[in-house]
Amino acid sequence: MRPEDKSKRAASWSRRTYKTSDDFLRWLIAKNARQKRVIQAENTKADHALLHALMIWADDGGTTA
């Protein structure tokens, strides 16, 4: 291996980033926040569908109370 090849290989290692526990905790908090947003969005969709079904049922002569 030529000396210039070794220097190029060593330079690529210098760009390596190391993960820390803080990075992991930040990622975990962000992941949990995304999951909560997805669950809330699904609940909102389900609530909307339920209200829409109740409105249609009330229009057909059913009682809502």
PDB file of N, CA and C in Angstrom:
ATOM      1  N   MET A   1       0.854  -1.174   0.000  1.00  0.00           N
ATOM      2  CA  MET A   1       0.000   0.000   0.000  1.00  0.00           C
ATOM      3  C   MET A   1       0.898   1.234   0.000  1.00  0.00           C
ATOM      4  N   ARG A   2       0.560   2.171  -0.848  1.00  0.00           N
ATOM      5  CA  ARG A   2       1.374   3.386  -0.951  1.00  0.00           C
ATOM      6  C   ARG A   2       1.081   4.327   0.223  1.00  0.00           C
ATOM      7  N   PRO A   3       2.007   5.164   0.604  1.00  0.00           N
ATOM      8  CA  PRO A   3       1.809   6.070   1.745  1.00  0.00           C
ATOM      9  C   PRO A   3       0.634   7.028   1.555  1.00  0.00           C
ATOM     10  N   GLU A   4       0.399   7.505   0.339  1.00  0.00           N
ATOM     11  CA  GLU A   4      -0.725   8.430   0.123  1.00  0.00           C
ATOM     12  C   GLU A   4      -2.078   7.739   0.321  1.00  0.00           C
ATOM     13  N   ASP A   5      -2.143   6.428   0.058  1.00  0.00           N
ATOM     14  CA  ASP A   5      -3.372   5.682   0.304  1.00  0.00           C
ATOM     15  C   ASP A   5      -3.664   5.589   1.801  1.00  0.00           C
ATOM     16  N   LYS A   6      -2.599   5.399   2.594  1.00  0.00           N
ATOM     17  CA  LYS A   6      -2.791   5.327   4.034  1.00  0.00           C
ATOM     18  C   LYS A   6      -3.299   6.644   4.599  1.00  0.00           C
ATOM     19  N   SER A   7      -2.829   7.748   4.089  1.00  0.00           N
ATOM     20  CA  SER A   7      -3.270   9.048   4.608  1.00  0.00           C
ATOM     21  C   SER A   7      -4.728   9.311   4.271  1.00  0.00           C
ATOM     22  N   LYS A   8      -5.187   8.852   3.117  1.00  0.00           N
ATOM     23  CA  LYS A   8      -6.599   9.027   2.761  1.00  0.00           C
ATOM     24  C   LYS A   8      -7.486   8.189   3.672  1.00  0.00           C
ATOM     25  N   ARG A   9      -7.025   6.991   3.985  1.00  0.00           N
ATOM     26  CA  ARG A   9      -7.808   6.130   4.848  1.00  0.00           C
ATOM     27  C   ARG A   9      -7.875   6.714   6.270  1.00  0.00           C
ATOM     28  N   ALA A  10      -6.796   7.238   6.759  1.00  0.00           N
ATOM     29  CA  ALA A  10      -6.772   7.826   8.098  1.00  0.00           C
ATOM     30  C   ALA A  10      -7.672   9.057   8.164  1.00  0.00           C
ATOM     31  N   ALA A  11      -7.766   9.804   7.087  1.00  0.00           N
ATOM     32  CA  ALA A  11      -8.607  10.997   7.067  1.00  0.00           C
ATOM     33  C   ALA A  11     -10.079  10.621   7.178  1.00  0.00           C
ATOM     34  N   SER A  12     -10.476   9.507   6.611  1.00  0.00           N
ATOM     35  CA  SER A  12     -11.882   9.113   6.684  1.00  0.00           C
ATOM     36  C   SER A  12     -12.276   8.750   8.113  1.00  0.00           C
ATOM     37  N   TRP A  13     -11.330   8.210   8.908  1.00  0.00           N
ATOM     38  CA  TRP A  13     -11.638   7.872  10.289  1.00  0.00           C
ATOM     39  C   TRP A  13     -11.806   9.114  11.144  1.00  0.00           C
ATOM     40  N   SER A  14     -11.179  10.201  10.769  1.00  0.00           N
ATOM     41  CA  SER A  14     -11.257  11.405  11.589  1.00  0.00           C
ATOM     42  C   SER A  14     -12.652  12.030  11.533  1.00  0.00           C
ATOM     43  N   ARG A  15     -13.431  11.716  10.510  1.00  0.00           N
ATOM     44  CA  ARG A  15     -14.790  12.263  10.388  1.00  0.00           C
ATOM     45  C   ARG A  15     -15.818  11.439  11.151  1.00  0.00           C
ATOM     46  N   ARG A  16     -15.388  10.417  11.807  1.00  0.00           N
ATOM     47  CA  ARG A  16     -16.301   9.545  12.523  1.00  0.00           C
ATOM     48  C   ARG A  16     -16.897  10.267  13.735  1.00  0.00           C
ATOM     49  N   THR A  17     -18.183  10.092  13.944  1.00  0.00           N
ATOM     50  CA  THR A  17     -18.820  10.690  15.115  1.00  0.00           C
ATOM     51  C   THR A  17     -19.130   9.593  16.121  1.00  0.00           C
ATOM     52  N   TYR A  18     -18.994   9.921  17.372  1.00  0.00           N
ATOM     53  CA  TYR A  18     -19.242   8.963  18.430  1.00  0.00           C
ATOM     54  C   TYR A  18     -20.577   9.261  19.087  1.00  0.00           C
ATOM     55  N   LYS A  19     -21.346   8.247  19.294  1.00  0.00           N
ATOM     56  CA  LYS A  19     -22.644   8.391  19.944  1.00  0.00           C
ATOM     57  C   LYS A  19     -22.459   8.391  21.455  1.00  0.00           C
ATOM     58  N   THR A  20     -23.243   9.217  22.109  1.00  0.00           N
ATOM     59  CA  THR A  20     -23.178   9.262  23.564  1.00  0.00           C
ATOM     60  C   THR A  20     -24.537   8.902  24.137  1.00  0.00           C
ATOM     61  N   SER A  21     -24.578   8.751  25.434  1.00  0.00           N
ATOM     62  CA  SER A  21     -25.858   8.437  26.071  1.00  0.00           C
ATOM     63  C   SER A  21     -26.826   9.609  25.915  1.00  0.00           C
ATOM     64  N   ASP A  22     -26.303  10.839  25.882  1.00  0.00           N
ATOM     65  CA  ASP A  22     -27.172  12.005  25.674  1.00  0.00           C
ATOM     66  C   ASP A  22     -27.825  11.964  24.300  1.00  0.00           C
ATOM     67  N   ASP A  23     -27.064  11.551  23.281  1.00  0.00           N
ATOM     68  CA  ASP A  23     -27.633  11.411  21.938  1.00  0.00           C
ATOM     69  C   ASP A  23     -28.749  10.386  21.926  1.00  0.00           C
ATOM     70  N   PHE A  24     -28.526   9.268  22.608  1.00  0.00           N
ATOM     71  CA  PHE A  24     -29.535   8.222  22.663  1.00  0.00           C
ATOM     72  C   PHE A  24     -30.791   8.719  23.370  1.00  0.00           C
ATOM     73  N   LEU A  25     -30.627   9.402  24.487  1.00  0.00           N
ATOM     74  CA  LEU A  25     -31.790   9.896  25.236  1.00  0.00           C
ATOM     75  C   LEU A  25     -32.555  10.932  24.427  1.00  0.00           C
ATOM     76  N   ARG A  26     -31.844  11.800  23.708  1.00  0.00           N
ATOM     77  CA  ARG A  26     -32.511  12.782  22.849  1.00  0.00           C
ATOM     78  C   ARG A  26     -33.316  12.081  21.763  1.00  0.00           C
ATOM     79  N   TRP A  27     -32.727  11.039  21.148  1.00  0.00           N
ATOM     80  CA  TRP A  27     -33.432  10.284  20.107  1.00  0.00           C
ATOM     81  C   TRP A  27     -34.655   9.579  20.690  1.00  0.00           C
ATOM     82  N   LEU A  28     -34.504   9.000  21.895  1.00  0.00           N
ATOM     83  CA  LEU A  28     -35.607   8.277  22.515  1.00  0.00           C
ATOM     84  C   LEU A  28     -36.767   9.216  22.851  1.00  0.00           C
ATOM     85  N   ILE A  29     -36.474  10.389  23.365  1.00  0.00           N
ATOM     86  CA  ILE A  29     -37.520  11.368  23.685  1.00  0.00           C
ATOM     87  C   ILE A  29     -38.236  11.802  22.411  1.00  0.00           C
ATOM     88  N   ALA A  30     -37.478  12.058  21.349  1.00  0.00           N
ATOM     89  CA  ALA A  30     -38.093  12.461  20.076  1.00  0.00           C
ATOM     90  C   ALA A  30     -38.956  11.337  19.514  1.00  0.00           C
ATOM     91  N   LYS A  31     -38.493  10.091  19.620  1.00  0.00           N
ATOM     92  CA  LYS A  31     -39.260   8.945  19.120  1.00  0.00           C
ATOM     93  C   LYS A  31     -40.573   8.806  19.878  1.00  0.00           C
ATOM     94  N   ASN A  32     -40.517   8.932  21.206  1.00  0.00           N
ATOM     95  CA  ASN A  32     -41.735   8.831  22.004  1.00  0.00           C
ATOM     96  C   ASN A  32     -42.703   9.964  21.687  1.00  0.00           C
ATOM     97  N   ALA A  33     -42.181  11.149  21.439  1.00  0.00           N
ATOM     98  CA  ALA A  33     -43.040  12.276  21.088  1.00  0.00           C
ATOM     99  C   ALA A  33     -43.741  12.018  19.750  1.00  0.00           C
ATOM    100  N   ARG A  34     -42.992  11.451  18.785  1.00  0.00           N
ATOM    101  CA  ARG A  34     -43.617  11.135  17.483  1.00  0.00           C
ATOM    102  C   ARG A  34     -44.715  10.092  17.652  1.00  0.00           C
ATOM    103  N   GLN A  35     -44.477   9.081  18.479  1.00  0.00           N
ATOM    104  CA  GLN A  35     -45.486   8.050  18.699  1.00  0.00           C
ATOM    105  C   GLN A  35     -46.734   8.629  19.348  1.00  0.00           C
ATOM    106  N   LYS A  36     -46.561   9.542  20.294  1.00  0.00           N
ATOM    107  CA  LYS A  36     -47.721  10.172  20.939  1.00  0.00           C
ATOM    108  C   LYS A  36     -48.518  10.998  19.941  1.00  0.00           C
ATOM    109  N   ARG A  37     -47.816  11.706  19.032  1.00  0.00           N
ATOM    110  CA  ARG A  37     -48.525  12.493  18.014  1.00  0.00           C
ATOM    111  C   ARG A  37     -49.319  11.599  17.081  1.00  0.00           C
ATOM    112  N   VAL A  38     -48.768  10.448  16.712  1.00  0.00           N
ATOM    113  CA  VAL A  38     -49.471   9.504  15.830  1.00  0.00           C
ATOM    114  C   VAL A  38     -50.718   8.972  16.525  1.00  0.00           C
ATOM    115  N   ILE A  39     -50.589   8.620  17.792  1.00  0.00           N
ATOM    116  CA  ILE A  39     -51.736   8.099  18.548  1.00  0.00           C
ATOM    117  C   ILE A  39     -52.816   9.166  18.674  1.00  0.00           C
ATOM    118  N   GLN A  40     -52.425  10.405  18.946  1.00  0.00           N
ATOM    119  CA  GLN A  40     -53.405  11.489  19.060  1.00  0.00           C
ATOM    120  C   GLN A  40     -54.102  11.735  17.724  1.00  0.00           C
ATOM    121  N   ALA A  41     -53.347  11.651  16.631  1.00  0.00           N
ATOM    122  CA  ALA A  41     -53.955  11.848  15.313  1.00  0.00           C
ATOM    123  C   ALA A  41     -54.957  10.735  15.020  1.00  0.00           C
ATOM    124  N   GLU A  42     -54.619   9.503  15.373  1.00  0.00           N
ATOM    125  CA  GLU A  42     -55.550   8.393  15.148  1.00  0.00           C
ATOM    126  C   GLU A  42     -56.810   8.553  15.996  1.00  0.00           C
ATOM    127  N   ASN A  43     -56.647   9.005  17.247  1.00  0.00           N
ATOM    128  CA  ASN A  43     -57.807   9.224  18.109  1.00  0.00           C
ATOM    129  C   ASN A  43     -58.697  10.330  17.558  1.00  0.00           C
ATOM    130  N   THR A  44     -58.089  11.378  17.031  1.00  0.00           N
ATOM    131  CA  THR A  44     -58.855  12.476  16.450  1.00  0.00           C
ATOM    132  C   THR A  44     -59.656  11.991  15.248  1.00  0.00           C
ATOM    133  N   LYS A  45     -59.028  11.164  14.414  1.00  0.00           N
ATOM    134  CA  LYS A  45     -59.739  10.608  13.251  1.00  0.00           C
ATOM    135  C   LYS A  45     -60.906   9.733  13.698  1.00  0.00           C
ATOM    136  N   ALA A  46     -60.689   8.918  14.728  1.00  0.00           N
ATOM    137  CA  ALA A  46     -61.748   8.038  15.214  1.00  0.00           C
ATOM    138  C   ALA A  46     -62.893   8.861  15.814  1.00  0.00           C
ATOM    139  N   ASP A  47     -62.552   9.912  16.566  1.00  0.00           N
ATOM    140  CA  ASP A  47     -63.586  10.780  17.139  1.00  0.00           C
ATOM    141  C   ASP A  47     -64.396  11.453  16.041  1.00  0.00           C
ATOM    142  N   HIS A  48     -63.715  11.901  14.999  1.00  0.00           N
ATOM    143  CA  HIS A  48     -64.407  12.552  13.888  1.00  0.00           C
ATOM    144  C   HIS A  48     -65.356  11.575  13.192  1.00  0.00           C
ATOM    145  N   ALA A  49     -64.898  10.355  12.983  1.00  0.00           N
ATOM    146  CA  ALA A  49     -65.742   9.354  12.325  1.00  0.00           C
ATOM    147  C   ALA A  49     -66.954   9.029  13.193  1.00  0.00           C
ATOM    148  N   LEU A  50     -66.773   8.944  14.505  1.00  0.00           N
ATOM    149  CA  LEU A  50     -67.878   8.655  15.411  1.00  0.00           C
ATOM    150  C   LEU A  50     -68.896   9.790  15.400  1.00  0.00           C
ATOM    151  N   LEU A  51     -68.417  11.026  15.470  1.00  0.00           N
ATOM    152  CA  LEU A  51     -69.340  12.163  15.435  1.00  0.00           C
ATOM    153  C   LEU A  51     -70.105  12.224  14.117  1.00  0.00           C
ATOM    154  N   HIS A  52     -69.417  11.920  13.029  1.00  0.00           N
ATOM    155  CA  HIS A  52     -70.076  11.916  11.720  1.00  0.00           C
ATOM    156  C   HIS A  52     -71.166  10.837  11.671  1.00  0.00           C
ATOM    157  N   ALA A  53     -70.867   9.663  12.220  1.00  0.00           N
ATOM    158  CA  ALA A  53     -71.866   8.585  12.233  1.00  0.00           C
ATOM    159  C   ALA A  53     -73.062   8.970  13.096  1.00  0.00           C
ATOM    160  N   LEU A  54     -72.824   9.624  14.220  1.00  0.00           N
ATOM    161  CA  LEU A  54     -73.931  10.052  15.077  1.00  0.00           C
ATOM    162  C   LEU A  54     -74.791  11.098  14.381  1.00  0.00           C
ATOM    163  N   MET A  55     -74.153  12.011  13.630  1.00  0.00           N
ATOM    164  CA  MET A  55     -74.927  13.028  12.923  1.00  0.00           C
ATOM    165  C   MET A  55     -75.826  12.375  11.872  1.00  0.00           C
ATOM    166  N   ILE A  56     -75.299  11.409  11.151  1.00  0.00           N
ATOM    167  CA  ILE A  56     -76.099  10.719  10.130  1.00  0.00           C
ATOM    168  C   ILE A  56     -77.237   9.960  10.792  1.00  0.00           C
ATOM    169  N   TRP A  57     -76.969   9.298  11.912  1.00  0.00           N
ATOM    170  CA  TRP A  57     -77.979   8.533  12.601  1.00  0.00           C
ATOM    171  C   TRP A  57     -79.065   9.462  13.127  1.00  0.00           C
ATOM    172  N   ALA A  58     -78.691  10.645  13.649  1.00  0.00           N
ATOM    173  CA  ALA A  58     -79.674  11.606  14.160  1.00  0.00           C
ATOM    174  C   ALA A  58     -80.519  12.152  13.003  1.00  0.00           C
ATOM    175  N   ASP A  59     -79.920  12.345  11.854  1.00  0.00           N
ATOM    176  CA  ASP A  59     -80.663  12.835  10.698  1.00  0.00           C
ATOM    177  C   ASP A  59     -81.700  11.812  10.221  1.00  0.00           C
ATOM    178  N   ASP A  60     -81.430  10.528  10.451  1.00  0.00           N
ATOM    179  CA  ASP A  60     -82.350   9.488  10.039  1.00  0.00           C
ATOM    180  C   ASP A  60     -83.483   9.258  11.046  1.00  0.00           C
ATOM    181  N   GLY A  61     -83.508  10.049  12.110  1.00  0.00           N
ATOM    182  CA  GLY A  61     -84.594   9.939  13.056  1.00  0.00           C
ATOM    183  C   GLY A  61     -84.223   9.300  14.370  1.00  0.00           C
ATOM    184  N   GLY A  62     -82.956   8.956  14.564  1.00  0.00           N
ATOM    185  CA  GLY A  62     -82.513   8.365  15.807  1.00  0.00           C
ATOM    186  C   GLY A  62     -82.295   9.439  16.868  1.00  0.00           C
ATOM    187  N   THR A  63     -82.259   9.029  18.119  1.00  0.00           N
ATOM    188  CA  THR A  63     -82.014   9.997  19.188  1.00  0.00           C
ATOM    189  C   THR A  63     -80.542   9.919  19.566  1.00  0.00           C
ATOM    190  N   THR A  64     -79.950  11.062  19.888  1.00  0.00           N
ATOM    191  CA  THR A  64     -78.526  11.097  20.229  1.00  0.00           C
ATOM    192  C   THR A  64     -78.304  11.207  21.728  1.00  0.00           C
ATOM    193  N   ALA A  65     -79.350  11.431  22.518  1.00  0.00           N
ATOM    194  CA  ALA A  65     -79.125  11.597  23.962  1.00  0.00           C
ATOM    195  C   ALA A  65     -79.494  10.396  24.738  1.00  0.00           C
TER     196      ALA A  65
END
